[in-house]
N, C-alpha and C. Protein backbone atom coordinates (compact mmCIF):
# COMPACT_ATOMS: atom_id res chain seq x y z
N MET A 1 0.82 -1.20 0.00
CA MET A 1 0.00 0.00 0.00
C MET A 1 0.86 1.27 0.00
N ALA A 2 2.18 1.09 -0.07
CA ALA A 2 3.07 2.26 -0.06
C ALA A 2 2.81 3.16 -1.25
N ASP A 3 2.39 2.60 -2.39
CA ASP A 3 2.13 3.41 -3.57
C ASP A 3 0.70 3.95 -3.59
N CYS A 4 -0.08 3.66 -2.56
CA CYS A 4 -1.45 4.15 -2.44
C CYS A 4 -1.57 4.90 -1.11
N PRO A 5 -1.29 6.20 -1.10
CA PRO A 5 -1.30 6.94 0.16
C PRO A 5 -2.70 7.06 0.76
N LEU A 6 -2.74 7.13 2.09
CA LEU A 6 -3.98 7.39 2.80
C LEU A 6 -4.24 8.89 2.74
N VAL A 7 -5.43 9.30 2.29
CA VAL A 7 -5.73 10.71 2.08
C VAL A 7 -7.11 11.07 2.62
N ILE A 8 -7.31 12.37 2.82
CA ILE A 8 -8.64 12.91 3.04
C ILE A 8 -8.90 13.86 1.88
N ILE A 9 -9.99 13.60 1.17
CA ILE A 9 -10.36 14.42 0.01
C ILE A 9 -11.61 15.22 0.37
N ARG A 10 -11.54 16.53 0.19
CA ARG A 10 -12.71 17.39 0.36
C ARG A 10 -13.21 17.71 -1.04
N TRP A 11 -14.52 17.47 -1.25
CA TRP A 11 -15.06 17.66 -2.59
C TRP A 11 -16.52 18.09 -2.52
N LEU A 12 -17.01 18.60 -3.63
CA LEU A 12 -18.39 19.06 -3.71
C LEU A 12 -19.26 18.01 -4.38
N ASP A 13 -20.42 17.78 -3.78
CA ASP A 13 -21.36 16.78 -4.29
C ASP A 13 -22.73 17.46 -4.45
N SER A 14 -23.61 16.79 -5.18
CA SER A 14 -24.96 17.31 -5.34
C SER A 14 -25.80 16.98 -4.12
N ARG A 15 -26.87 17.71 -3.94
CA ARG A 15 -27.83 17.40 -2.87
C ARG A 15 -28.82 16.37 -3.39
N GLN A 16 -29.48 15.72 -2.45
CA GLN A 16 -30.50 14.72 -2.83
C GLN A 16 -31.63 15.43 -3.58
N PRO A 17 -32.11 14.81 -4.64
CA PRO A 17 -33.21 15.43 -5.40
C PRO A 17 -34.46 15.59 -4.54
N CYS A 18 -35.19 16.65 -4.81
CA CYS A 18 -36.47 16.88 -4.14
C CYS A 18 -37.50 16.00 -4.86
N GLY A 19 -38.19 15.15 -4.12
CA GLY A 19 -39.09 14.18 -4.73
C GLY A 19 -40.51 14.64 -4.94
N GLN A 20 -40.77 15.91 -4.74
CA GLN A 20 -42.15 16.38 -4.89
C GLN A 20 -42.23 17.53 -5.89
N TRP A 21 -43.41 17.76 -6.39
CA TRP A 21 -43.62 18.88 -7.31
C TRP A 21 -43.52 20.19 -6.53
N ARG A 22 -42.89 21.18 -7.16
CA ARG A 22 -42.76 22.52 -6.55
C ARG A 22 -42.97 23.56 -7.64
N PHE A 23 -43.50 24.68 -7.21
CA PHE A 23 -43.60 25.81 -8.13
C PHE A 23 -42.20 26.37 -8.32
N LEU A 24 -41.82 26.62 -9.57
CA LEU A 24 -40.50 27.16 -9.86
C LEU A 24 -40.27 28.49 -9.16
N SER A 25 -41.34 29.24 -8.96
CA SER A 25 -41.22 30.54 -8.31
C SER A 25 -40.94 30.40 -6.80
N ALA A 26 -41.12 29.20 -6.24
CA ALA A 26 -40.95 29.00 -4.79
C ALA A 26 -39.79 28.05 -4.46
N LEU A 27 -38.84 27.90 -5.40
CA LEU A 27 -37.71 27.02 -5.13
C LEU A 27 -36.86 27.58 -3.99
N PRO A 28 -36.46 26.73 -3.07
CA PRO A 28 -35.60 27.21 -1.97
C PRO A 28 -34.19 27.48 -2.49
N GLU A 29 -33.43 28.25 -1.73
CA GLU A 29 -32.03 28.51 -2.05
C GLU A 29 -31.26 27.19 -1.90
N THR A 30 -30.45 26.83 -2.88
CA THR A 30 -29.72 25.57 -2.82
C THR A 30 -28.25 25.79 -3.09
N ARG A 31 -27.44 24.84 -2.68
CA ARG A 31 -26.01 24.87 -2.95
C ARG A 31 -25.49 23.44 -2.92
N ALA A 32 -24.27 23.26 -3.42
CA ALA A 32 -23.64 21.94 -3.38
C ALA A 32 -23.26 21.61 -1.93
N VAL A 33 -23.03 20.33 -1.66
CA VAL A 33 -22.67 19.86 -0.33
C VAL A 33 -21.18 19.55 -0.30
N GLU A 34 -20.46 20.07 0.71
CA GLU A 34 -19.05 19.71 0.87
C GLU A 34 -18.96 18.38 1.59
N VAL A 35 -18.18 17.46 1.03
CA VAL A 35 -18.02 16.12 1.57
C VAL A 35 -16.55 15.89 1.89
N ALA A 36 -16.28 15.15 2.96
CA ALA A 36 -14.92 14.73 3.30
C ALA A 36 -14.87 13.21 3.21
N THR A 37 -14.00 12.69 2.36
CA THR A 37 -13.85 11.25 2.17
C THR A 37 -12.43 10.85 2.54
N VAL A 38 -12.30 9.80 3.37
CA VAL A 38 -11.00 9.29 3.77
C VAL A 38 -10.82 7.91 3.16
N GLY A 39 -9.66 7.67 2.57
CA GLY A 39 -9.38 6.36 2.00
C GLY A 39 -8.01 6.32 1.37
N TRP A 40 -7.67 5.15 0.84
CA TRP A 40 -6.40 4.98 0.14
C TRP A 40 -6.59 5.41 -1.30
N LEU A 41 -5.72 6.29 -1.78
CA LEU A 41 -5.81 6.83 -3.14
C LEU A 41 -5.25 5.81 -4.12
N LEU A 42 -6.15 5.16 -4.87
CA LEU A 42 -5.77 4.12 -5.82
C LEU A 42 -5.41 4.67 -7.18
N LYS A 43 -6.07 5.77 -7.57
CA LYS A 43 -5.83 6.36 -8.88
C LYS A 43 -6.00 7.87 -8.76
N ASP A 44 -5.08 8.60 -9.38
CA ASP A 44 -5.10 10.07 -9.32
C ASP A 44 -4.76 10.60 -10.70
N THR A 45 -5.78 11.01 -11.44
CA THR A 45 -5.56 11.54 -12.79
C THR A 45 -6.16 12.94 -12.90
N ALA A 46 -6.00 13.54 -14.05
CA ALA A 46 -6.57 14.86 -14.29
C ALA A 46 -8.09 14.82 -14.26
N ASP A 47 -8.68 13.64 -14.49
CA ASP A 47 -10.14 13.51 -14.56
C ASP A 47 -10.79 12.95 -13.30
N ILE A 48 -10.10 12.01 -12.62
CA ILE A 48 -10.72 11.33 -11.48
C ILE A 48 -9.73 11.06 -10.34
N LYS A 49 -10.29 10.92 -9.16
CA LYS A 49 -9.58 10.42 -7.98
C LYS A 49 -10.35 9.17 -7.56
N VAL A 50 -9.65 8.05 -7.40
CA VAL A 50 -10.29 6.81 -6.98
C VAL A 50 -9.72 6.43 -5.61
N VAL A 51 -10.61 6.30 -4.62
CA VAL A 51 -10.21 5.92 -3.27
C VAL A 51 -10.97 4.68 -2.84
N CYS A 52 -10.39 3.95 -1.88
CA CYS A 52 -11.11 2.83 -1.29
C CYS A 52 -11.01 2.93 0.23
N GLN A 53 -12.04 2.45 0.92
CA GLN A 53 -12.05 2.51 2.37
C GLN A 53 -11.50 1.25 3.02
N ASN A 54 -11.46 0.14 2.30
CA ASN A 54 -11.05 -1.13 2.89
C ASN A 54 -10.07 -1.85 1.97
N VAL A 55 -9.03 -2.42 2.58
CA VAL A 55 -8.05 -3.20 1.83
C VAL A 55 -7.83 -4.50 2.59
N GLY A 56 -7.85 -5.60 1.87
CA GLY A 56 -7.67 -6.90 2.51
C GLY A 56 -6.54 -7.69 1.90
N ASP A 57 -6.07 -8.68 2.65
CA ASP A 57 -5.00 -9.59 2.25
C ASP A 57 -3.68 -8.86 2.03
N LEU A 58 -3.34 -7.99 2.99
CA LEU A 58 -2.13 -7.17 2.88
C LEU A 58 -0.85 -7.99 2.95
N ASP A 59 -0.92 -9.19 3.54
CA ASP A 59 0.26 -10.03 3.64
C ASP A 59 0.65 -10.63 2.29
N HIS A 60 -0.26 -10.58 1.32
CA HIS A 60 -0.01 -11.14 -0.01
C HIS A 60 -0.40 -10.09 -1.06
N PRO A 61 0.49 -9.14 -1.36
CA PRO A 61 0.16 -8.05 -2.27
C PRO A 61 -0.40 -8.50 -3.62
N GLU A 62 0.03 -9.65 -4.10
CA GLU A 62 -0.48 -10.13 -5.39
C GLU A 62 -1.95 -10.55 -5.30
N LYS A 63 -2.47 -10.75 -4.07
CA LYS A 63 -3.86 -11.14 -3.86
C LYS A 63 -4.66 -10.03 -3.19
N ALA A 64 -4.08 -8.84 -3.00
CA ALA A 64 -4.75 -7.76 -2.29
C ALA A 64 -6.09 -7.43 -2.95
N GLN A 65 -7.07 -7.12 -2.10
CA GLN A 65 -8.41 -6.80 -2.56
C GLN A 65 -8.85 -5.49 -1.91
N ALA A 66 -9.78 -4.80 -2.53
CA ALA A 66 -10.30 -3.55 -1.98
C ALA A 66 -11.82 -3.53 -2.09
N SER A 67 -12.44 -2.84 -1.14
CA SER A 67 -13.89 -2.60 -1.21
C SER A 67 -14.15 -1.16 -0.79
N GLY A 68 -15.37 -0.73 -0.99
CA GLY A 68 -15.69 0.66 -0.70
C GLY A 68 -14.98 1.59 -1.68
N ILE A 69 -14.87 1.16 -2.94
CA ILE A 69 -14.17 1.94 -3.96
C ILE A 69 -15.09 3.06 -4.46
N MET A 70 -14.55 4.28 -4.46
CA MET A 70 -15.33 5.45 -4.87
C MET A 70 -14.54 6.25 -5.90
N THR A 71 -15.22 6.69 -6.96
CA THR A 71 -14.62 7.54 -7.97
C THR A 71 -15.18 8.95 -7.80
N ILE A 72 -14.28 9.92 -7.64
CA ILE A 72 -14.66 11.32 -7.46
C ILE A 72 -14.12 12.11 -8.65
N PRO A 73 -14.98 12.86 -9.35
CA PRO A 73 -14.48 13.69 -10.46
C PRO A 73 -13.50 14.74 -9.93
N THR A 74 -12.34 14.85 -10.54
CA THR A 74 -11.33 15.80 -10.09
C THR A 74 -11.86 17.23 -10.10
N ARG A 75 -12.73 17.56 -11.03
CA ARG A 75 -13.26 18.93 -11.10
C ARG A 75 -14.12 19.28 -9.88
N CYS A 76 -14.53 18.27 -9.09
CA CYS A 76 -15.31 18.51 -7.87
C CYS A 76 -14.44 18.61 -6.62
N VAL A 77 -13.15 18.30 -6.74
CA VAL A 77 -12.25 18.23 -5.59
C VAL A 77 -11.81 19.63 -5.16
N LEU A 78 -11.97 19.88 -3.85
CA LEU A 78 -11.51 21.14 -3.25
C LEU A 78 -10.08 21.01 -2.75
N SER A 79 -9.76 19.84 -2.15
CA SER A 79 -8.40 19.62 -1.64
C SER A 79 -8.16 18.14 -1.42
N VAL A 80 -6.88 17.76 -1.48
CA VAL A 80 -6.44 16.41 -1.15
C VAL A 80 -5.30 16.56 -0.16
N GLU A 81 -5.45 15.94 1.00
CA GLU A 81 -4.42 16.02 2.03
C GLU A 81 -3.95 14.60 2.37
N ARG A 82 -2.66 14.39 2.29
CA ARG A 82 -2.10 13.08 2.61
C ARG A 82 -2.06 12.92 4.13
N LEU A 83 -2.55 11.79 4.61
CA LEU A 83 -2.52 11.48 6.04
C LEU A 83 -1.28 10.65 6.32
N THR A 84 -0.65 10.89 7.43
CA THR A 84 0.56 10.15 7.77
C THR A 84 0.35 9.37 9.06
N GLU A 85 1.05 8.25 9.15
CA GLU A 85 1.00 7.43 10.35
C GLU A 85 2.03 7.93 11.34
N GLU A 86 1.67 7.90 12.60
CA GLU A 86 2.61 8.22 13.66
C GLU A 86 2.91 6.93 14.40
N ASP A 87 4.18 6.70 14.69
CA ASP A 87 4.57 5.49 15.41
C ASP A 87 4.42 5.74 16.90
N HIS A 88 3.39 5.13 17.48
CA HIS A 88 3.14 5.28 18.92
C HIS A 88 3.87 4.21 19.72
N GLY A 89 4.45 3.23 19.05
CA GLY A 89 5.21 2.19 19.72
C GLY A 89 4.37 1.12 20.37
N THR A 90 3.06 1.30 20.46
CA THR A 90 2.19 0.29 21.06
C THR A 90 0.97 0.12 20.20
N ASN A 91 0.31 -0.98 20.39
CA ASN A 91 -0.92 -1.27 19.67
C ASN A 91 -2.07 -0.59 20.40
N ALA A 92 -2.89 0.13 19.68
CA ALA A 92 -4.00 0.87 20.28
C ALA A 92 -5.00 -0.03 20.98
N PHE A 93 -5.04 -1.33 20.62
CA PHE A 93 -6.01 -2.24 21.19
C PHE A 93 -5.40 -3.18 22.22
N ALA A 94 -4.17 -2.96 22.62
CA ALA A 94 -3.48 -3.88 23.53
C ALA A 94 -4.16 -3.96 24.88
N ASP A 95 -4.83 -2.90 25.33
CA ASP A 95 -5.44 -2.89 26.65
C ASP A 95 -6.76 -3.67 26.70
N LEU A 96 -7.25 -4.19 25.58
CA LEU A 96 -8.49 -4.94 25.60
C LEU A 96 -8.40 -6.20 26.44
N ASP A 97 -7.20 -6.78 26.56
CA ASP A 97 -7.04 -7.98 27.38
C ASP A 97 -7.39 -7.72 28.84
N SER A 98 -7.14 -6.51 29.31
CA SER A 98 -7.38 -6.20 30.72
C SER A 98 -8.87 -6.20 31.06
N VAL A 99 -9.73 -6.11 30.04
CA VAL A 99 -11.16 -6.15 30.31
C VAL A 99 -11.78 -7.47 29.87
N GLY A 100 -10.94 -8.45 29.61
CA GLY A 100 -11.43 -9.79 29.30
C GLY A 100 -11.72 -10.06 27.84
N SER A 101 -11.32 -9.18 26.94
CA SER A 101 -11.57 -9.39 25.52
C SER A 101 -10.55 -10.37 24.94
N VAL A 102 -10.91 -10.97 23.84
CA VAL A 102 -10.02 -11.89 23.14
C VAL A 102 -8.89 -11.08 22.50
N ASP A 103 -7.67 -11.60 22.53
CA ASP A 103 -6.52 -10.91 21.94
C ASP A 103 -6.53 -11.13 20.43
N PHE A 104 -7.07 -10.16 19.71
CA PHE A 104 -7.12 -10.25 18.25
C PHE A 104 -6.19 -9.25 17.61
N ALA A 105 -5.45 -8.48 18.38
CA ALA A 105 -4.70 -7.36 17.83
C ALA A 105 -3.21 -7.63 17.75
N GLY A 106 -2.82 -8.85 17.44
CA GLY A 106 -1.40 -9.17 17.41
C GLY A 106 -0.70 -8.81 16.13
N SER A 107 -1.41 -8.47 15.08
CA SER A 107 -0.80 -8.21 13.77
C SER A 107 -0.24 -6.80 13.68
N ALA A 108 0.96 -6.68 13.14
CA ALA A 108 1.55 -5.36 12.92
C ALA A 108 0.70 -4.57 11.92
N HIS A 109 0.12 -5.26 10.94
CA HIS A 109 -0.73 -4.58 9.96
C HIS A 109 -1.96 -4.02 10.65
N PHE A 110 -2.53 -4.75 11.60
CA PHE A 110 -3.72 -4.28 12.30
C PHE A 110 -3.40 -3.02 13.09
N ALA A 111 -2.23 -2.99 13.73
CA ALA A 111 -1.83 -1.82 14.50
C ALA A 111 -1.71 -0.61 13.59
N ALA A 112 -1.11 -0.79 12.41
CA ALA A 112 -0.95 0.32 11.47
C ALA A 112 -2.30 0.82 11.00
N ILE A 113 -3.22 -0.09 10.70
CA ILE A 113 -4.55 0.30 10.25
C ILE A 113 -5.29 1.03 11.36
N SER A 114 -5.16 0.57 12.61
CA SER A 114 -5.84 1.24 13.71
C SER A 114 -5.29 2.65 13.90
N ASP A 115 -3.98 2.84 13.70
CA ASP A 115 -3.41 4.18 13.79
C ASP A 115 -3.95 5.06 12.67
N ASP A 116 -4.06 4.52 11.44
CA ASP A 116 -4.63 5.27 10.33
C ASP A 116 -6.06 5.69 10.66
N LEU A 117 -6.82 4.78 11.24
CA LEU A 117 -8.21 5.06 11.58
C LEU A 117 -8.30 6.19 12.60
N GLU A 118 -7.43 6.15 13.61
CA GLU A 118 -7.42 7.19 14.64
C GLU A 118 -7.14 8.56 14.01
N ILE A 119 -6.17 8.62 13.12
CA ILE A 119 -5.82 9.87 12.45
C ILE A 119 -6.98 10.32 11.57
N ALA A 120 -7.55 9.39 10.81
CA ALA A 120 -8.64 9.72 9.90
C ALA A 120 -9.86 10.24 10.66
N ILE A 121 -10.18 9.62 11.79
CA ILE A 121 -11.33 10.07 12.58
C ILE A 121 -11.08 11.48 13.10
N GLY A 122 -9.88 11.73 13.60
CA GLY A 122 -9.55 13.06 14.11
C GLY A 122 -9.66 14.13 13.04
N LEU A 123 -9.12 13.86 11.85
CA LEU A 123 -9.18 14.84 10.77
C LEU A 123 -10.60 15.03 10.24
N THR A 124 -11.37 13.94 10.19
CA THR A 124 -12.75 14.04 9.74
C THR A 124 -13.56 14.89 10.70
N GLN A 125 -13.35 14.69 12.02
CA GLN A 125 -14.07 15.50 13.00
C GLN A 125 -13.68 16.96 12.90
N GLN A 126 -12.40 17.25 12.63
CA GLN A 126 -11.96 18.63 12.44
C GLN A 126 -12.64 19.25 11.21
N ALA A 127 -12.74 18.43 10.16
CA ALA A 127 -13.33 18.94 8.92
C ALA A 127 -14.79 19.28 9.08
N LEU A 128 -15.47 18.49 9.90
CA LEU A 128 -16.91 18.70 10.08
C LEU A 128 -17.12 19.74 11.13
């Protein structure tokens, strides 16, 4: 995933269509909606940005899979910010054993993903 950086993309999207008849003279004031999307940038061209929210089978790059794939028109993009991982030296879920949970957080990949999630949540909350 080194060639697919984790990013937050701010972009403009349309609003949900109004499903009822309205008089044209009484249309409400409308505007585009600003959206913040976090994911791994799979493709970055002059026309599109392609991101995914989930990546699986990281131990076998030749078999890697992605889901939550979204294509955003570049002309709608306000900004793209690369998110970086910080090395905290510990696994964010290591304390779950103290409350009787099953130890599922032994993978180095899981720790890196949990750190990405923490950063992404913080930046998303700031954006909103």
